[in-house]
Structure formats: structure tokens, C-alpha cells
PDB file of N, CA and C in Angstrom:
ATOM      1  N   MET A   1     229.730 201.834  94.667  1.00  0.00           N
ATOM      2  CA  MET A   1     228.410 201.501  95.376  1.00  0.00           C
ATOM      3  C   MET A   1     227.337 202.272  94.762  1.00  0.00           C
ATOM      4  N   THR A   2     226.148 201.550  94.641  1.00  0.00           N
ATOM      5  CA  THR A   2     224.898 202.210  94.182  1.00  0.00           C
ATOM      6  C   THR A   2     224.133 202.670  95.343  1.00  0.00           C
ATOM      7  N   PRO A   3     223.846 203.982  95.257  1.00  0.00           N
ATOM      8  CA  PRO A   3     222.858 204.347  96.476  1.00  0.00           C
ATOM      9  C   PRO A   3     221.495 203.754  96.363  1.00  0.00           C
ATOM     10  N   PHE A   4     221.073 203.331  97.482  1.00  0.00           N
ATOM     11  CA  PHE A   4     219.790 202.674  97.573  1.00  0.00           C
ATOM     12  C   PHE A   4     218.641 203.446  96.839  1.00  0.00           C
ATOM     13  N   ARG A   5     218.717 204.706  97.004  1.00  0.00           N
ATOM     14  CA  ARG A   5     217.620 205.663  96.504  1.00  0.00           C
ATOM     15  C   ARG A   5     217.675 205.581  94.913  1.00  0.00           C
ATOM     16  N   GLU A   6     218.688 205.145  94.275  1.00  0.00           N
ATOM     17  CA  GLU A   6     218.851 205.125  92.885  1.00  0.00           C
ATOM     18  C   GLU A   6     218.222 203.799  92.229  1.00  0.00           C
ATOM     19  N   LEU A   7     217.895 202.888  93.219  1.00  0.00           N
ATOM     20  CA  LEU A   7     217.237 201.585  92.784  1.00  0.00           C
ATOM     21  C   LEU A   7     215.754 201.878  92.343  1.00  0.00           C
ATOM     22  N   THR A   8     215.274 201.052  91.569  1.00  0.00           N
ATOM     23  CA  THR A   8     213.829 201.068  91.212  1.00  0.00           C
ATOM     24  C   THR A   8     213.030 200.653  92.465  1.00  0.00           C
ATOM     25  N   PRO A   9     211.795 201.156  92.622  1.00  0.00           N
ATOM     26  CA  PRO A   9     210.998 200.697  93.695  1.00  0.00           C
ATOM     27  C   PRO A   9     210.831 199.216  93.831  1.00  0.00           C
ATOM     28  N   VAL A  10     210.873 198.508  92.771  1.00  0.00           N
ATOM     29  CA  VAL A  10     210.698 197.125  92.768  1.00  0.00           C
ATOM     30  C   VAL A  10     212.058 196.447  93.287  1.00  0.00           C
ATOM     31  N   GLU A  11     213.210 196.942  92.926  1.00  0.00           N
ATOM     32  CA  GLU A  11     214.495 196.534  93.507  1.00  0.00           C
ATOM     33  C   GLU A  11     214.531 196.857  94.980  1.00  0.00           C
ATOM     34  N   GLN A  12     214.087 197.988  95.369  1.00  0.00           N
ATOM     35  CA  GLN A  12     214.084 198.287  96.805  1.00  0.00           C
ATOM     36  C   GLN A  12     213.344 197.365  97.611  1.00  0.00           C
ATOM     37  N   ALA A  13     212.100 197.095  97.103  1.00  0.00           N
ATOM     38  CA  ALA A  13     211.112 196.211  97.861  1.00  0.00           C
ATOM     39  C   ALA A  13     211.666 194.773  97.919  1.00  0.00           C
ATOM     40  N   ARG A  14     212.357 194.314  96.808  1.00  0.00           N
ATOM     41  CA  ARG A  14     212.882 192.912  96.730  1.00  0.00           C
ATOM     42  C   ARG A  14     214.050 192.900  97.841  1.00  0.00           C
ATOM     43  N   LEU A  15     214.916 193.904  97.967  1.00  0.00           N
ATOM     44  CA  LEU A  15     215.996 193.927  98.942  1.00  0.00           C
ATOM     45  C   LEU A  15     215.386 194.015 100.341  1.00  0.00           C
ATOM     46  N   ARG A  16     214.326 194.811 100.500  1.00  0.00           N
ATOM     47  CA  ARG A  16     213.783 194.954 101.887  1.00  0.00           C
ATOM     48  C   ARG A  16     213.073 193.551 102.279  1.00  0.00           C
ATOM     49  N   GLU A  17     212.456 192.898 101.439  1.00  0.00           N
ATOM     50  CA  GLU A  17     211.870 191.553 101.706  1.00  0.00           C
ATOM     51  C   GLU A  17     212.965 190.568 102.127  1.00  0.00           C
ATOM     52  N   ALA A  18     214.023 190.541 101.261  1.00  0.00           N
ATOM     53  CA  ALA A  18     215.193 189.636 101.562  1.00  0.00           C
ATOM     54  C   ALA A  18     215.787 189.966 102.876  1.00  0.00           C
ATOM     55  N   TYR A  19     215.903 191.176 103.177  1.00  0.00           N
ATOM     56  CA  TYR A  19     216.698 191.606 104.359  1.00  0.00           C
ATOM     57  C   TYR A  19     215.698 191.247 105.614  1.00  0.00           C
ATOM     58  N   ALA A  20     214.413 191.452 105.508  1.00  0.00           N
ATOM     59  CA  ALA A  20     213.455 191.100 106.619  1.00  0.00           C
ATOM     60  C   ALA A  20     213.633 189.557 106.856  1.00  0.00           C
ATOM     61  N   ASP A  21     213.673 188.770 105.796  1.00  0.00           N
ATOM     62  CA  ASP A  21     213.916 187.299 106.128  1.00  0.00           C
ATOM     63  C   ASP A  21     215.124 187.047 106.869  1.00  0.00           C
ATOM     64  N   GLU A  22     216.218 187.728 106.454  1.00  0.00           N
ATOM     65  CA  GLU A  22     217.549 187.598 107.133  1.00  0.00           C
ATOM     66  C   GLU A  22     217.451 188.114 108.552  1.00  0.00           C
ATOM     67  N   MET A  23     216.848 189.235 108.820  1.00  0.00           N
ATOM     68  CA  MET A  23     216.754 189.783 110.175  1.00  0.00           C
ATOM     69  C   MET A  23     215.830 188.885 111.062  1.00  0.00           C
ATOM     70  N   ALA A  24     214.880 188.203 110.505  1.00  0.00           N
ATOM     71  CA  ALA A  24     214.074 187.310 111.322  1.00  0.00           C
ATOM     72  C   ALA A  24     214.923 186.256 112.112  1.00  0.00           C
ATOM     73  N   ARG A  25     216.044 186.037 111.594  1.00  0.00           N
ATOM     74  CA  ARG A  25     216.912 185.023 112.311  1.00  0.00           C
ATOM     75  C   ARG A  25     217.965 185.791 113.168  1.00  0.00           C
ATOM     76  N   GLN A  26     217.902 187.045 113.262  1.00  0.00           N
ATOM     77  CA  GLN A  26     218.777 187.807 114.133  1.00  0.00           C
ATOM     78  C   GLN A  26     218.203 188.345 115.307  1.00  0.00           C
ATOM     79  N   THR A  27     218.999 188.840 116.225  1.00  0.00           N
ATOM     80  CA  THR A  27     218.497 189.508 117.457  1.00  0.00           C
ATOM     81  C   THR A  27     217.826 190.851 117.104  1.00  0.00           C
ATOM     82  N   ASN A  28     216.789 191.209 117.702  1.00  0.00           N
ATOM     83  CA  ASN A  28     216.094 192.411 117.401  1.00  0.00           C
ATOM     84  C   ASN A  28     216.794 193.555 118.024  1.00  0.00           C
ATOM     85  N   THR A  29     216.657 194.789 117.515  1.00  0.00           N
ATOM     86  CA  THR A  29     217.137 196.097 118.122  1.00  0.00           C
ATOM     87  C   THR A  29     216.128 197.200 117.899  1.00  0.00           C
ATOM     88  N   CYS A  30     216.070 198.097 118.835  1.00  0.00           N
ATOM     89  CA  CYS A  30     215.153 199.260 118.632  1.00  0.00           C
ATOM     90  C   CYS A  30     215.956 200.521 118.159  1.00  0.00           C
ATOM     91  N   SER A  31     217.335 200.417 118.223  1.00  0.00           N
ATOM     92  CA  SER A  31     218.197 201.502 117.837  1.00  0.00           C
ATOM     93  C   SER A  31     218.102 201.687 116.292  1.00  0.00           C
ATOM     94  N   MET A  32     217.636 202.926 115.863  1.00  0.00           N
ATOM     95  CA  MET A  32     217.641 203.283 114.486  1.00  0.00           C
ATOM     96  C   MET A  32     218.988 203.189 113.825  1.00  0.00           C
ATOM     97  N   ASP A  33     220.018 203.660 114.598  1.00  0.00           N
ATOM     98  CA  ASP A  33     221.440 203.668 114.074  1.00  0.00           C
ATOM     99  C   ASP A  33     221.860 202.247 113.804  1.00  0.00           C
ATOM    100  N   GLU A  34     221.520 201.379 114.756  1.00  0.00           N
ATOM    101  CA  GLU A  34     221.951 200.026 114.723  1.00  0.00           C
ATOM    102  C   GLU A  34     221.233 199.334 113.461  1.00  0.00           C
ATOM    103  N   LYS A  35     219.952 199.608 113.257  1.00  0.00           N
ATOM    104  CA  LYS A  35     219.159 199.074 112.179  1.00  0.00           C
ATOM    105  C   LYS A  35     219.815 199.577 110.779  1.00  0.00           C
ATOM    106  N   ILE A  36     220.119 200.762 110.682  1.00  0.00           N
ATOM    107  CA  ILE A  36     220.741 201.387 109.523  1.00  0.00           C
ATOM    108  C   ILE A  36     222.169 200.634 109.276  1.00  0.00           C
ATOM    109  N   SER A  37     222.780 200.550 110.273  1.00  0.00           N
ATOM    110  CA  SER A  37     224.170 199.940 110.152  1.00  0.00           C
ATOM    111  C   SER A  37     224.098 198.500 109.747  1.00  0.00           C
ATOM    112  N   ARG A  38     223.150 197.765 110.249  1.00  0.00           N
ATOM    113  CA  ARG A  38     222.972 196.397 109.869  1.00  0.00           C
ATOM    114  C   ARG A  38     222.465 196.225 108.425  1.00  0.00           C
ATOM    115  N   PHE A  39     221.633 197.130 108.034  1.00  0.00           N
ATOM    116  CA  PHE A  39     221.051 197.066 106.645  1.00  0.00           C
ATOM    117  C   PHE A  39     222.181 197.391 105.679  1.00  0.00           C
ATOM    118  N   ASN A  40     222.927 198.442 106.020  1.00  0.00           N
ATOM    119  CA  ASN A  40     223.997 198.799 105.140  1.00  0.00           C
ATOM    120  C   ASN A  40     225.151 197.800 105.060  1.00  0.00           C
ATOM    121  N   ALA A  41     225.486 197.109 106.158  1.00  0.00           N
ATOM    122  CA  ALA A  41     226.367 196.027 106.085  1.00  0.00           C
ATOM    123  C   ALA A  41     225.917 194.864 105.210  1.00  0.00           C
ATOM    124  N   TRP A  42     224.571 194.626 105.321  1.00  0.00           N
ATOM    125  CA  TRP A  42     223.965 193.536 104.490  1.00  0.00           C
ATOM    126  C   TRP A  42     223.948 193.889 103.015  1.00  0.00           C
ATOM    127  N   LEU A  43     223.733 195.188 102.706  1.00  0.00           N
ATOM    128  CA  LEU A  43     223.677 195.603 101.353  1.00  0.00           C
ATOM    129  C   LEU A  43     225.034 195.826 100.710  1.00  0.00           C
ATOM    130  N   GLU A  44     226.089 196.054 101.456  1.00  0.00           N
ATOM    131  CA  GLU A  44     227.427 196.395 100.951  1.00  0.00           C
ATOM    132  C   GLU A  44     227.959 195.279 100.024  1.00  0.00           C
ATOM    133  N   PRO A  45     227.954 193.990 100.354  1.00  0.00           N
ATOM    134  CA  PRO A  45     228.408 193.036  99.329  1.00  0.00           C
ATOM    135  C   PRO A  45     227.632 192.871  98.034  1.00  0.00           C
ATOM    136  N   GLN A  46     226.513 193.618  98.023  1.00  0.00           N
ATOM    137  CA  GLN A  46     225.738 193.677  96.807  1.00  0.00           C
ATOM    138  C   GLN A  46     226.001 195.038  96.145  1.00  0.00           C
ATOM    139  N   GLY A  47     226.965 195.742  96.541  1.00  0.00           N
ATOM    140  CA  GLY A  47     227.333 196.907  95.890  1.00  0.00           C
ATOM    141  C   GLY A  47     226.435 198.092  96.109  1.00  0.00           C
ATOM    142  N   ILE A  48     225.616 198.047  97.087  1.00  0.00           N
ATOM    143  CA  ILE A  48     224.592 199.001  97.351  1.00  0.00           C
ATOM    144  C   ILE A  48     224.826 199.725  98.787  1.00  0.00           C
ATOM    145  N   SER A  49     224.618 201.041  98.826  1.00  0.00           N
ATOM    146  CA  SER A  49     224.822 201.757 100.124  1.00  0.00           C
ATOM    147  C   SER A  49     223.474 202.404 100.515  1.00  0.00           C
ATOM    148  N   PHE A  50     223.257 202.538 101.846  1.00  0.00           N
ATOM    149  CA  PHE A  50     222.044 203.041 102.479  1.00  0.00           C
ATOM    150  C   PHE A  50     222.398 204.080 103.500  1.00  0.00           C
ATOM    151  N   THR A  51     221.661 205.237 103.552  1.00  0.00           N
ATOM    152  CA  THR A  51     221.920 206.204 104.581  1.00  0.00           C
ATOM    153  C   THR A  51     220.529 206.596 105.082  1.00  0.00           C
ATOM    154  N   GLU A  52     220.668 207.523 106.107  1.00  0.00           N
ATOM    155  CA  GLU A  52     219.301 208.062 106.675  1.00  0.00           C
ATOM    156  C   GLU A  52     218.641 208.887 105.636  1.00  0.00           C
ATOM    157  N   ASP A  53     219.297 209.418 104.654  1.00  0.00           N
ATOM    158  CA  ASP A  53     218.553 210.078 103.499  1.00  0.00           C
ATOM    159  C   ASP A  53     217.606 209.116 102.809  1.00  0.00           C
ATOM    160  N   ASP A  54     217.973 207.961 102.772  1.00  0.00           N
ATOM    161  CA  ASP A  54     217.014 206.972 102.112  1.00  0.00           C
ATOM    162  C   ASP A  54     215.918 206.744 102.854  1.00  0.00           C
ATOM    163  N   LEU A  55     215.936 206.851 104.196  1.00  0.00           N
ATOM    164  CA  LEU A  55     214.767 206.791 105.023  1.00  0.00           C
ATOM    165  C   LEU A  55     213.793 207.917 104.796  1.00  0.00           C
ATOM    166  N   ARG A  56     214.280 209.068 104.653  1.00  0.00           N
ATOM    167  CA  ARG A  56     213.505 210.336 104.403  1.00  0.00           C
ATOM    168  C   ARG A  56     212.773 210.133 103.053  1.00  0.00           C
ATOM    169  N   LEU A  57     213.329 209.582 102.079  1.00  0.00           N
ATOM    170  CA  LEU A  57     212.599 209.430 100.830  1.00  0.00           C
ATOM    171  C   LEU A  57     211.341 208.566 100.887  1.00  0.00           C
ATOM    172  N   GLN A  58     211.374 207.586 101.849  1.00  0.00           N
ATOM    173  CA  GLN A  58     210.244 206.645 102.066  1.00  0.00           C
ATOM    174  C   GLN A  58     209.026 207.440 102.587  1.00  0.00           C
ATOM    175  N   LYS A  59     209.261 208.595 103.396  1.00  0.00           N
ATOM    176  CA  LYS A  59     208.187 209.224 104.086  1.00  0.00           C
ATOM    177  C   LYS A  59     207.469 210.207 103.318  1.00  0.00           C
ATOM    178  N   ARG A  60     207.919 210.466 102.104  1.00  0.00           N
ATOM    179  CA  ARG A  60     207.275 211.339 101.076  1.00  0.00           C
ATOM    180  C   ARG A  60     206.004 210.890 100.542  1.00  0.00           C
TER     181      ARG A  60
END
């Protein structure tokens, strides 16, 4: 699995946009743990992993 943080900013943005389209068709949640779990499950078939550490990188 490729850690999300190792992707280029362009690749990360492309995946976030595609995921947002997918989630627009799903039930919303406010739980950050659930959001991370769903994103990671969506990324997994693409060979990419995502953790809370990846969120921290966005805040810098």
C-alpha cells in the first residue's frame, strides 16, 4: 500500500475530488473516525492507505 502522504498534491486532490463525488451519494456522518475509515476503505482497492497522520499534514 502506498501511504497517502507519499502521493503528489495533484494525486491527493484528484482522489479527494473523486471521493467527494462518491460520498455525495452516501449517508453523511460527523464522526471523524468513521470518515477516516470510509476514506481508507475507498482508497484500499487503489493500493493507498490513509491515517490520522495524513490529516495532520494538511494542517501545516
